Amino acid sequence: AINFMGCYAAFNGLKVADAFCKANPLARVLVVCTEICT
């Protein structure tokens, strides 16, 4: 879980996914960004 980092947090999600895939070539990573701002 990546929480409370604001508008740039998707990049951190992608960085973590990238690291998982480089550590395990069989990894399939689902990154889900959900924001209910209103």
Full PDB file with SEQRES, HELIX, SHEET, SSBOND, CRYST1, ORIGX, SCALE, CONECT and MASTER records, all heavy atoms in Angstrom:
SEQRES   1 A   38  ALA ILE ASN PHE MET GLY CYS TYR ALA ALA PHE ASN GLY          
SEQRES   2 A   38  LEU LYS VAL ALA ASP ALA PHE CYS LYS ALA ASN PRO LEU          
SEQRES   3 A   38  ALA ARG VAL LEU VAL VAL CYS THR GLU ILE CYS THR              
HELIX    1 AA1 GLY A    6  TYR A    8  5                                   3    
HELIX    2 AA2 ALA A    9  ALA A   23  1                                  15    
CRYST1    1.000    1.000    1.000  90.00  90.00  90.00 P 1           1          
ORIGX1      1.000000  0.000000  0.000000        0.00000                         
ORIGX2      0.000000  1.000000  0.000000        0.00000                         
ORIGX3      0.000000  0.000000  1.000000        0.00000                         
SCALE1      1.000000  0.000000  0.000000        0.00000                         
SCALE2      0.000000  1.000000  0.000000        0.00000                         
SCALE3      0.000000  0.000000  1.000000        0.00000                         
ATOM      1  N   ALA A   1       0.848  -1.199   0.000  1.00  0.00           N  
ATOM      2  CA  ALA A   1       0.000   0.000   0.000  1.00  0.00           C  
ATOM      3  C   ALA A   1       0.879   1.243   0.000  1.00  0.00           C  
ATOM      4  O   ALA A   1       1.797   1.371   0.821  1.00  0.00           O  
ATOM      5  CB  ALA A   1      -0.920   0.007   1.220  1.00  0.00           C  
ATOM      6  N   ILE A   2       0.605   2.159  -0.934  1.00  0.00           N  
ATOM      7  CA  ILE A   2       1.299   3.439  -1.021  1.00  0.00           C  
ATOM      8  C   ILE A   2       0.270   4.511  -0.716  1.00  0.00           C  
ATOM      9  O   ILE A   2      -0.646   4.745  -1.503  1.00  0.00           O  
ATOM     10  CB  ILE A   2       1.919   3.636  -2.413  1.00  0.00           C  
ATOM     11  CG1 ILE A   2       3.002   2.573  -2.657  1.00  0.00           C  
ATOM     12  CG2 ILE A   2       2.500   5.035  -2.567  1.00  0.00           C  
ATOM     13  CD1 ILE A   2       3.579   2.579  -4.054  1.00  0.00           C  
ATOM     14  N   ASN A   3       0.404   5.145   0.427  1.00  0.00           N  
ATOM     15  CA  ASN A   3      -0.627   6.061   0.894  1.00  0.00           C  
ATOM     16  C   ASN A   3      -0.108   7.472   1.116  1.00  0.00           C  
ATOM     17  O   ASN A   3       1.042   7.682   1.492  1.00  0.00           O  
ATOM     18  CB  ASN A   3      -1.241   5.555   2.210  1.00  0.00           C  
ATOM     19  CG  ASN A   3      -1.953   4.232   2.044  1.00  0.00           C  
ATOM     20  OD1 ASN A   3      -1.573   3.241   2.647  1.00  0.00           O  
ATOM     21  ND2 ASN A   3      -2.981   4.194   1.221  1.00  0.00           N  
ATOM     22  N   PHE A   4      -0.972   8.437   0.870  1.00  0.00           N  
ATOM     23  CA  PHE A   4      -0.821   9.830   1.280  1.00  0.00           C  
ATOM     24  C   PHE A   4       0.383  10.532   0.667  1.00  0.00           C  
ATOM     25  O   PHE A   4       0.987  11.407   1.269  1.00  0.00           O  
ATOM     26  CB  PHE A   4      -0.762   9.923   2.819  1.00  0.00           C  
ATOM     27  CG  PHE A   4      -1.539  11.105   3.344  1.00  0.00           C  
ATOM     28  CD1 PHE A   4      -2.908  11.158   3.215  1.00  0.00           C  
ATOM     29  CD2 PHE A   4      -0.901  12.164   3.955  1.00  0.00           C  
ATOM     30  CE1 PHE A   4      -3.624  12.249   3.678  1.00  0.00           C  
ATOM     31  CE2 PHE A   4      -1.605  13.257   4.433  1.00  0.00           C  
ATOM     32  CZ  PHE A   4      -2.980  13.300   4.287  1.00  0.00           C  
ATOM     33  N   MET A   5       0.727  10.167  -0.553  1.00  0.00           N  
ATOM     34  CA  MET A   5       1.836  10.825  -1.233  1.00  0.00           C  
ATOM     35  C   MET A   5       1.364  11.850  -2.250  1.00  0.00           C  
ATOM     36  O   MET A   5       2.158  12.610  -2.798  1.00  0.00           O  
ATOM     37  CB  MET A   5       2.751   9.796  -1.900  1.00  0.00           C  
ATOM     38  CG  MET A   5       3.367   8.821  -0.921  1.00  0.00           C  
ATOM     39  SD  MET A   5       4.681   7.810  -1.643  1.00  0.00           S  
ATOM     40  CE  MET A   5       6.051   8.969  -1.577  1.00  0.00           C  
ATOM     41  N   GLY A   6       0.070  11.873  -2.552  1.00  0.00           N  
ATOM     42  CA  GLY A   6      -0.462  12.903  -3.427  1.00  0.00           C  
ATOM     43  C   GLY A   6      -0.416  12.551  -4.897  1.00  0.00           C  
ATOM     44  O   GLY A   6      -0.370  11.381  -5.288  1.00  0.00           O  
ATOM     45  N   CYS A   7      -0.383  13.588  -5.732  1.00  0.00           N  
ATOM     46  CA  CYS A   7      -0.600  13.435  -7.167  1.00  0.00           C  
ATOM     47  C   CYS A   7       0.512  12.671  -7.887  1.00  0.00           C  
ATOM     48  O   CYS A   7       0.292  12.172  -8.991  1.00  0.00           O  
ATOM     49  CB  CYS A   7      -0.775  14.812  -7.812  1.00  0.00           C  
ATOM     50  SG  CYS A   7      -2.249  15.708  -7.254  1.00  0.00           S  
ATOM     51  N   TYR A   8       1.703  12.588  -7.310  1.00  0.00           N  
ATOM     52  CA  TYR A   8       2.796  11.905  -7.992  1.00  0.00           C  
ATOM     53  C   TYR A   8       2.911  10.441  -7.596  1.00  0.00           C  
ATOM     54  O   TYR A   8       3.793   9.719  -8.080  1.00  0.00           O  
ATOM     55  CB  TYR A   8       4.134  12.604  -7.696  1.00  0.00           C  
ATOM     56  CG  TYR A   8       4.576  12.530  -6.253  1.00  0.00           C  
ATOM     57  CD1 TYR A   8       5.387  11.483  -5.798  1.00  0.00           C  
ATOM     58  CD2 TYR A   8       4.209  13.504  -5.326  1.00  0.00           C  
ATOM     59  CE1 TYR A   8       5.798  11.418  -4.475  1.00  0.00           C  
ATOM     60  CE2 TYR A   8       4.616  13.443  -4.011  1.00  0.00           C  
ATOM     61  CZ  TYR A   8       5.411  12.399  -3.585  1.00  0.00           C  
ATOM     62  OH  TYR A   8       5.807  12.328  -2.276  1.00  0.00           O  
ATOM     63  N   ALA A   9       2.011   9.945  -6.747  1.00  0.00           N  
ATOM     64  CA  ALA A   9       2.174   8.622  -6.144  1.00  0.00           C  
ATOM     65  C   ALA A   9       2.111   7.480  -7.148  1.00  0.00           C  
ATOM     66  O   ALA A   9       2.664   6.401  -6.900  1.00  0.00           O  
ATOM     67  CB  ALA A   9       1.122   8.417  -5.050  1.00  0.00           C  
ATOM     68  N   ALA A  10       1.446   7.681  -8.301  1.00  0.00           N  
ATOM     69  CA  ALA A  10       1.422   6.614  -9.304  1.00  0.00           C  
ATOM     70  C   ALA A  10       2.838   6.249  -9.741  1.00  0.00           C  
ATOM     71  O   ALA A  10       3.121   5.083 -10.038  1.00  0.00           O  
ATOM     72  CB  ALA A  10       0.591   7.040 -10.508  1.00  0.00           C  
ATOM     73  N   PHE A  11       3.732   7.243  -9.779  1.00  0.00           N  
ATOM     74  CA  PHE A  11       5.117   6.972 -10.152  1.00  0.00           C  
ATOM     75  C   PHE A  11       5.774   6.023  -9.149  1.00  0.00           C  
ATOM     76  O   PHE A  11       6.532   5.133  -9.528  1.00  0.00           O  
ATOM     77  CB  PHE A  11       5.909   8.276 -10.234  1.00  0.00           C  
ATOM     78  CG  PHE A  11       5.723   9.009 -11.532  1.00  0.00           C  
ATOM     79  CD1 PHE A  11       4.479   9.473 -11.922  1.00  0.00           C  
ATOM     80  CD2 PHE A  11       6.795   9.239 -12.375  1.00  0.00           C  
ATOM     81  CE1 PHE A  11       4.305  10.151 -13.113  1.00  0.00           C  
ATOM     82  CE2 PHE A  11       6.634   9.919 -13.579  1.00  0.00           C  
ATOM     83  CZ  PHE A  11       5.369  10.373 -13.952  1.00  0.00           C  
ATOM     84  N   ASN A  12       5.472   6.206  -7.866  1.00  0.00           N  
ATOM     85  CA  ASN A  12       6.030   5.315  -6.861  1.00  0.00           C  
ATOM     86  C   ASN A  12       5.455   3.911  -6.993  1.00  0.00           C  
ATOM     87  O   ASN A  12       6.160   2.915  -6.807  1.00  0.00           O  
ATOM     88  CB  ASN A  12       5.771   5.885  -5.467  1.00  0.00           C  
ATOM     89  CG  ASN A  12       6.617   7.096  -5.185  1.00  0.00           C  
ATOM     90  OD1 ASN A  12       7.803   6.999  -4.911  1.00  0.00           O  
ATOM     91  ND2 ASN A  12       6.013   8.273  -5.292  1.00  0.00           N  
ATOM     92  N   GLY A  13       4.174   3.823  -7.334  1.00  0.00           N  
ATOM     93  CA  GLY A  13       3.584   2.516  -7.589  1.00  0.00           C  
ATOM     94  C   GLY A  13       4.260   1.819  -8.752  1.00  0.00           C  
ATOM     95  O   GLY A  13       4.555   0.616  -8.704  1.00  0.00           O  
ATOM     96  N   LEU A  14       4.534   2.564  -9.829  1.00  0.00           N  
ATOM     97  CA  LEU A  14       5.202   1.987 -10.995  1.00  0.00           C  
ATOM     98  C   LEU A  14       6.654   1.609 -10.685  1.00  0.00           C  
ATOM     99  O   LEU A  14       7.161   0.600 -11.190  1.00  0.00           O  
ATOM    100  CB  LEU A  14       5.147   2.964 -12.162  1.00  0.00           C  
ATOM    101  CG  LEU A  14       3.754   3.222 -12.748  1.00  0.00           C  
ATOM    102  CD1 LEU A  14       3.808   4.324 -13.803  1.00  0.00           C  
ATOM    103  CD2 LEU A  14       3.154   1.948 -13.334  1.00  0.00           C  
ATOM    104  N   LYS A  15       7.322   2.411  -9.867  1.00  0.00           N  
ATOM    105  CA  LYS A  15       8.699   2.072  -9.475  1.00  0.00           C  
ATOM    106  C   LYS A  15       8.744   0.764  -8.696  1.00  0.00           C  
ATOM    107  O   LYS A  15       9.631  -0.076  -8.913  1.00  0.00           O  
ATOM    108  CB  LYS A  15       9.295   3.192  -8.620  1.00  0.00           C  
ATOM    109  CG  LYS A  15       9.632   4.466  -9.359  1.00  0.00           C  
ATOM    110  CD  LYS A  15      10.152   5.501  -8.357  1.00  0.00           C  
ATOM    111  CE  LYS A  15      10.321   6.863  -8.975  1.00  0.00           C  
ATOM    112  NZ  LYS A  15      10.756   7.873  -7.985  1.00  0.00           N  
ATOM    113  N   VAL A  16       7.804   0.597  -7.771  1.00  0.00           N  
ATOM    114  CA  VAL A  16       7.757  -0.640  -6.989  1.00  0.00           C  
ATOM    115  C   VAL A  16       7.447  -1.821  -7.908  1.00  0.00           C  
ATOM    116  O   VAL A  16       8.065  -2.891  -7.805  1.00  0.00           O  
ATOM    117  CB  VAL A  16       6.717  -0.523  -5.853  1.00  0.00           C  
ATOM    118  CG1 VAL A  16       6.549  -1.860  -5.142  1.00  0.00           C  
ATOM    119  CG2 VAL A  16       7.133   0.552  -4.858  1.00  0.00           C  
ATOM    120  N   ALA A  17       6.501  -1.641  -8.827  1.00  0.00           N  
ATOM    121  CA  ALA A  17       6.173  -2.701  -9.776  1.00  0.00           C  
ATOM    122  C   ALA A  17       7.382  -3.058 -10.634  1.00  0.00           C  
ATOM    123  O   ALA A  17       7.655  -4.240 -10.894  1.00  0.00           O  
ATOM    124  CB  ALA A  17       5.009  -2.257 -10.657  1.00  0.00           C  
ATOM    125  N   ASP A  18       8.107  -2.041 -11.073  1.00  0.00           N  
ATOM    126  CA  ASP A  18       9.315  -2.250 -11.870  1.00  0.00           C  
ATOM    127  C   ASP A  18      10.336  -3.074 -11.092  1.00  0.00           C  
ATOM    128  O   ASP A  18      10.946  -4.011 -11.635  1.00  0.00           O  
ATOM    129  CB  ASP A  18       9.889  -0.886 -12.249  1.00  0.00           C  
ATOM    130  CG  ASP A  18      11.137  -0.977 -13.100  1.00  0.00           C  
ATOM    131  OD1 ASP A  18      11.099  -1.646 -14.148  1.00  0.00           O  
ATOM    132  OD2 ASP A  18      12.159  -0.368 -12.725  1.00  0.00           O  
ATOM    133  N   ALA A  19      10.501  -2.762  -9.819  1.00  0.00           N  
ATOM    134  CA  ALA A  19      11.460  -3.503  -8.986  1.00  0.00           C  
ATOM    135  C   ALA A  19      11.023  -4.958  -8.804  1.00  0.00           C  
ATOM    136  O   ALA A  19      11.859  -5.878  -8.862  1.00  0.00           O  
ATOM    137  CB  ALA A  19      11.598  -2.823  -7.625  1.00  0.00           C  
ATOM    138  N   PHE A  20       9.733  -5.188  -8.596  1.00  0.00           N  
ATOM    139  CA  PHE A  20       9.233  -6.555  -8.458  1.00  0.00           C  
ATOM    140  C   PHE A  20       9.510  -7.358  -9.731  1.00  0.00           C  
ATOM    141  O   PHE A  20       9.929  -8.522  -9.666  1.00  0.00           O  
ATOM    142  CB  PHE A  20       7.725  -6.550  -8.183  1.00  0.00           C  
ATOM    143  CG  PHE A  20       7.342  -6.163  -6.781  1.00  0.00           C  
ATOM    144  CD1 PHE A  20       6.140  -5.512  -6.537  1.00  0.00           C  
ATOM    145  CD2 PHE A  20       8.161  -6.444  -5.701  1.00  0.00           C  
ATOM    146  CE1 PHE A  20       5.765  -5.153  -5.251  1.00  0.00           C  
ATOM    147  CE2 PHE A  20       7.802  -6.083  -4.402  1.00  0.00           C  
ATOM    148  CZ  PHE A  20       6.598  -5.440  -4.182  1.00  0.00           C  
ATOM    149  N   CYS A  21       9.271  -6.754 -10.878  1.00  0.00           N  
ATOM    150  CA  CYS A  21       9.457  -7.460 -12.151  1.00  0.00           C  
ATOM    151  C   CYS A  21      10.931  -7.744 -12.435  1.00  0.00           C  
ATOM    152  O   CYS A  21      11.270  -8.791 -13.002  1.00  0.00           O  
ATOM    153  CB  CYS A  21       8.847  -6.651 -13.291  1.00  0.00           C  
ATOM    154  SG  CYS A  21       7.040  -6.588 -13.249  1.00  0.00           S  
ATOM    155  N   LYS A  22      11.796  -6.828 -12.036  1.00  0.00           N  
ATOM    156  CA  LYS A  22      13.224  -7.060 -12.235  1.00  0.00           C  
ATOM    157  C   LYS A  22      13.760  -8.134 -11.288  1.00  0.00           C  
ATOM    158  O   LYS A  22      14.710  -8.843 -11.609  1.00  0.00           O  
ATOM    159  CB  LYS A  22      13.996  -5.749 -12.048  1.00  0.00           C  
ATOM    160  CG  LYS A  22      13.787  -4.782 -13.210  1.00  0.00           C  
ATOM    161  CD  LYS A  22      14.476  -3.453 -12.991  1.00  0.00           C  
ATOM    162  CE  LYS A  22      14.296  -2.551 -14.207  1.00  0.00           C  
ATOM    163  NZ  LYS A  22      14.865  -1.201 -13.986  1.00  0.00           N  
ATOM    164  N   ALA A  23      13.132  -8.284 -10.126  1.00  0.00           N  
ATOM    165  CA  ALA A  23      13.548  -9.308  -9.166  1.00  0.00           C  
ATOM    166  C   ALA A  23      12.989 -10.673  -9.537  1.00  0.00           C  
ATOM    167  O   ALA A  23      13.591 -11.701  -9.219  1.00  0.00           O  
ATOM    168  CB  ALA A  23      13.084  -8.933  -7.764  1.00  0.00           C  
ATOM    169  N   ASN A  24      11.820 -10.682 -10.227  1.00  0.00           N  
ATOM    170  CA  ASN A  24      11.172 -11.945 -10.578  1.00  0.00           C  
ATOM    171  C   ASN A  24      10.577 -11.809 -11.978  1.00  0.00           C  
ATOM    172  O   ASN A  24       9.540 -11.171 -12.153  1.00  0.00           O  
ATOM    173  CB  ASN A  24      10.075 -12.283  -9.570  1.00  0.00           C  
ATOM    174  CG  ASN A  24       9.317 -13.543  -9.946  1.00  0.00           C  
ATOM    175  OD1 ASN A  24       9.680 -14.248 -10.887  1.00  0.00           O  
ATOM    176  ND2 ASN A  24       8.260 -13.823  -9.212  1.00  0.00           N  
ATOM    177  N   PRO A  25      11.202 -12.394 -12.987  1.00  0.00           N  
ATOM    178  CA  PRO A  25      10.720 -12.253 -14.367  1.00  0.00           C  
ATOM    179  C   PRO A  25       9.295 -12.770 -14.585  1.00  0.00           C  
ATOM    180  O   PRO A  25       8.670 -12.444 -15.596  1.00  0.00           O  
ATOM    181  CB  PRO A  25      11.731 -13.078 -15.175  1.00  0.00           C  
ATOM    182  CG  PRO A  25      12.942 -13.174 -14.316  1.00  0.00           C  
ATOM    183  CD  PRO A  25      12.452 -13.181 -12.907  1.00  0.00           C  
ATOM    184  N   LEU A  26       8.797 -13.581 -13.661  1.00  0.00           N  
ATOM    185  CA  LEU A  26       7.446 -14.125 -13.790  1.00  0.00           C  
ATOM    186  C   LEU A  26       6.399 -13.284 -13.078  1.00  0.00           C  
ATOM    187  O   LEU A  26       5.206 -13.620 -13.088  1.00  0.00           O  
ATOM    188  CB  LEU A  26       7.407 -15.564 -13.250  1.00  0.00           C  
ATOM    189  CG  LEU A  26       8.333 -16.568 -13.952  1.00  0.00           C  
ATOM    190  CD1 LEU A  26       8.198 -17.947 -13.308  1.00  0.00           C  
ATOM    191  CD2 LEU A  26       8.036 -16.641 -15.446  1.00  0.00           C  
ATOM    192  N   ALA A  27       6.828 -12.198 -12.470  1.00  0.00           N  
ATOM    193  CA  ALA A  27       5.893 -11.356 -11.717  1.00  0.00           C  
ATOM    194  C   ALA A  27       4.877 -10.700 -12.647  1.00  0.00           C  
ATOM    195  O   ALA A  27       5.209 -10.254 -13.751  1.00  0.00           O  
ATOM    196  CB  ALA A  27       6.659 -10.290 -10.941  1.00  0.00           C  
ATOM    197  N   ARG A  28       3.639 -10.645 -12.170  1.00  0.00           N  
ATOM    198  CA  ARG A  28       2.574  -9.886 -12.825  1.00  0.00           C  
ATOM    199  C   ARG A  28       1.994  -8.966 -11.766  1.00  0.00           C  
ATOM    200  O   ARG A  28       1.390  -9.421 -10.799  1.00  0.00           O  
ATOM    201  CB  ARG A  28       1.501 -10.799 -13.397  1.00  0.00           C  
ATOM    202  CG  ARG A  28       1.830 -11.331 -14.774  1.00  0.00           C  
ATOM    203  CD  ARG A  28       0.723 -12.170 -15.342  1.00  0.00           C  
ATOM    204  NE  ARG A  28       0.958 -12.426 -16.759  1.00  0.00           N  
ATOM    205  CZ  ARG A  28       0.351 -13.376 -17.457  1.00  0.00           C  
ATOM    206  NH1 ARG A  28      -0.546 -14.153 -16.869  1.00  0.00           N  
ATOM    207  NH2 ARG A  28       0.619 -13.533 -18.735  1.00  0.00           N  
ATOM    208  N   VAL A  29       2.206  -7.672 -11.954  1.00  0.00           N  
ATOM    209  CA  VAL A  29       1.913  -6.701 -10.899  1.00  0.00           C  
ATOM    210  C   VAL A  29       0.730  -5.831 -11.318  1.00  0.00           C  
ATOM    211  O   VAL A  29       0.735  -5.241 -12.398  1.00  0.00           O  
ATOM    212  CB  VAL A  29       3.134  -5.807 -10.607  1.00  0.00           C  
ATOM    213  CG1 VAL A  29       2.866  -4.919  -9.398  1.00  0.00           C  
ATOM    214  CG2 VAL A  29       4.386  -6.665 -10.388  1.00  0.00           C  
ATOM    215  N   LEU A  30      -0.246  -5.747 -10.438  1.00  0.00           N  
ATOM    216  CA  LEU A  30      -1.402  -4.892 -10.657  1.00  0.00           C  
ATOM    217  C   LEU A  30      -1.264  -3.674  -9.751  1.00  0.00           C  
ATOM    218  O   LEU A  30      -1.188  -3.804  -8.524  1.00  0.00           O  
ATOM    219  CB  LEU A  30      -2.684  -5.657 -10.325  1.00  0.00           C  
ATOM    220  CG  LEU A  30      -4.021  -5.096 -10.818  1.00  0.00           C  
ATOM    221  CD1 LEU A  30      -4.033  -4.926 -12.330  1.00  0.00           C  
ATOM    222  CD2 LEU A  30      -5.154  -6.006 -10.364  1.00  0.00           C  
ATOM    223  N   VAL A  31      -1.181  -2.487 -10.362  1.00  0.00           N  
ATOM    224  CA  VAL A  31      -1.110  -1.226  -9.620  1.00  0.00           C  
ATOM    225  C   VAL A  31      -2.464  -0.546  -9.739  1.00  0.00           C  
ATOM    226  O   VAL A  31      -2.948  -0.321 -10.849  1.00  0.00           O  
ATOM    227  CB  VAL A  31      -0.008  -0.303 -10.185  1.00  0.00           C  
ATOM    228  CG1 VAL A  31       0.076   0.988  -9.356  1.00  0.00           C  
ATOM    229  CG2 VAL A  31       1.345  -1.012 -10.217  1.00  0.00           C  
ATOM    230  N   VAL A  32      -3.086  -0.218  -8.593  1.00  0.00           N  
ATOM    231  CA  VAL A  32      -4.420   0.377  -8.593  1.00  0.00           C  
ATOM    232  C   VAL A  32      -4.382   1.700  -7.835  1.00  0.00           C  
ATOM    233  O   VAL A  32      -4.105   1.728  -6.630  1.00  0.00           O  
ATOM    234  CB  VAL A  32      -5.451  -0.566  -7.945  1.00  0.00           C  
ATOM    235  CG1 VAL A  32      -6.852   0.034  -8.065  1.00  0.00           C  
ATOM    236  CG2 VAL A  32      -5.411  -1.949  -8.592  1.00  0.00           C  
ATOM    237  N   CYS A  33      -4.636   2.796  -8.556  1.00  0.00           N  
ATOM    238  CA  CYS A  33      -4.698   4.129  -7.943  1.00  0.00           C  
ATOM    239  C   CYS A  33      -6.168   4.534  -7.835  1.00  0.00           C  
ATOM    240  O   CYS A  33      -6.852   4.647  -8.858  1.00  0.00           O  
ATOM    241  CB  CYS A  33      -3.951   5.149  -8.792  1.00  0.00           C  
ATOM    242  SG  CYS A  33      -2.181   4.841  -8.959  1.00  0.00           S  
ATOM    243  N   THR A  34      -6.639   4.758  -6.623  1.00  0.00           N  
ATOM    244  CA  THR A  34      -8.037   5.098  -6.396  1.00  0.00           C  
ATOM    245  C   THR A  34      -8.113   6.359  -5.555  1.00  0.00           C  
ATOM    246  O   THR A  34      -7.609   6.394  -4.426  1.00  0.00           O  
ATOM    247  CB  THR A  34      -8.773   3.953  -5.682  1.00  0.00           C  
ATOM    248  OG1 THR A  34      -8.661   2.765  -6.472  1.00  0.00           O  
ATOM    249  CG2 THR A  34     -10.241   4.289  -5.465  1.00  0.00           C  
ATOM    250  N   GLU A  35      -8.740   7.391  -6.106  1.00  0.00           N  
ATOM    251  CA  GLU A  35      -8.812   8.670  -5.410  1.00  0.00           C  
ATOM    252  C   GLU A  35     -10.242   9.213  -5.424  1.00  0.00           C  
ATOM    253  O   GLU A  35     -10.860   9.343  -6.489  1.00  0.00           O  
ATOM    254  CB  GLU A  35      -7.875   9.690  -6.061  1.00  0.00           C  
ATOM    255  CG  GLU A  35      -6.413   9.264  -6.127  1.00  0.00           C  
ATOM    256  CD  GLU A  35      -5.707   9.212  -4.774  1.00  0.00           C  
ATOM    257  OE1 GLU A  35      -6.381   9.354  -3.729  1.00  0.00           O  
ATOM    258  OE2 GLU A  35      -4.474   9.036  -4.778  1.00  0.00           O  
ATOM    259  N   ILE A  36     -10.749   9.489  -4.238  1.00  0.00           N  
ATOM    260  CA  ILE A  36     -12.078  10.071  -4.090  1.00  0.00           C  
ATOM    261  C   ILE A  36     -11.888  11.442  -3.444  1.00  0.00           C  
ATOM    262  O   ILE A  36     -12.020  11.633  -2.235  1.00  0.00           O  
ATOM    263  CB  ILE A  36     -12.988   9.143  -3.268  1.00  0.00           C  
ATOM    264  CG1 ILE A  36     -13.049   7.766  -3.939  1.00  0.00           C  
ATOM    265  CG2 ILE A  36     -14.395   9.730  -3.161  1.00  0.00           C  
ATOM    266  CD1 ILE A  36     -13.904   6.749  -3.227  1.00  0.00           C  
ATOM    267  N   CYS A  37     -11.536  12.392  -4.272  1.00  0.00           N  
ATOM    268  CA  CYS A  37     -11.128  13.719  -3.807  1.00  0.00           C  
ATOM    269  C   CYS A  37     -12.302  14.569  -3.339  1.00  0.00           C  
ATOM    270  O   CYS A  37     -12.160  15.392  -2.423  1.00  0.00           O  
ATOM    271  CB  CYS A  37     -10.392  14.452  -4.928  1.00  0.00           C  
ATOM    272  SG  CYS A  37      -8.971  13.577  -5.616  1.00  0.00           S  
ATOM    273  N   THR A  38     -13.462  14.401  -3.972  1.00  0.00           N  
ATOM    274  CA  THR A  38     -14.546  15.361  -3.749  1.00  0.00           C  
ATOM    275  C   THR A  38     -15.194  15.250  -2.378  1.00  0.00           C  
ATOM    276  O   THR A  38     -15.922  16.159  -1.977  1.00  0.00           O  
ATOM    277  CB  THR A  38     -15.641  15.219  -4.833  1.00  0.00           C  
ATOM    278  OG1 THR A  38     -16.228  13.905  -4.759  1.00  0.00           O  
ATOM    279  CG2 THR A  38     -15.052  15.444  -6.220  1.00  0.00           C  
TER     280      THR A  38                                                      
MASTER        0    0    0    2    0    0    0    6  279    1    0    3          
END                                                                             
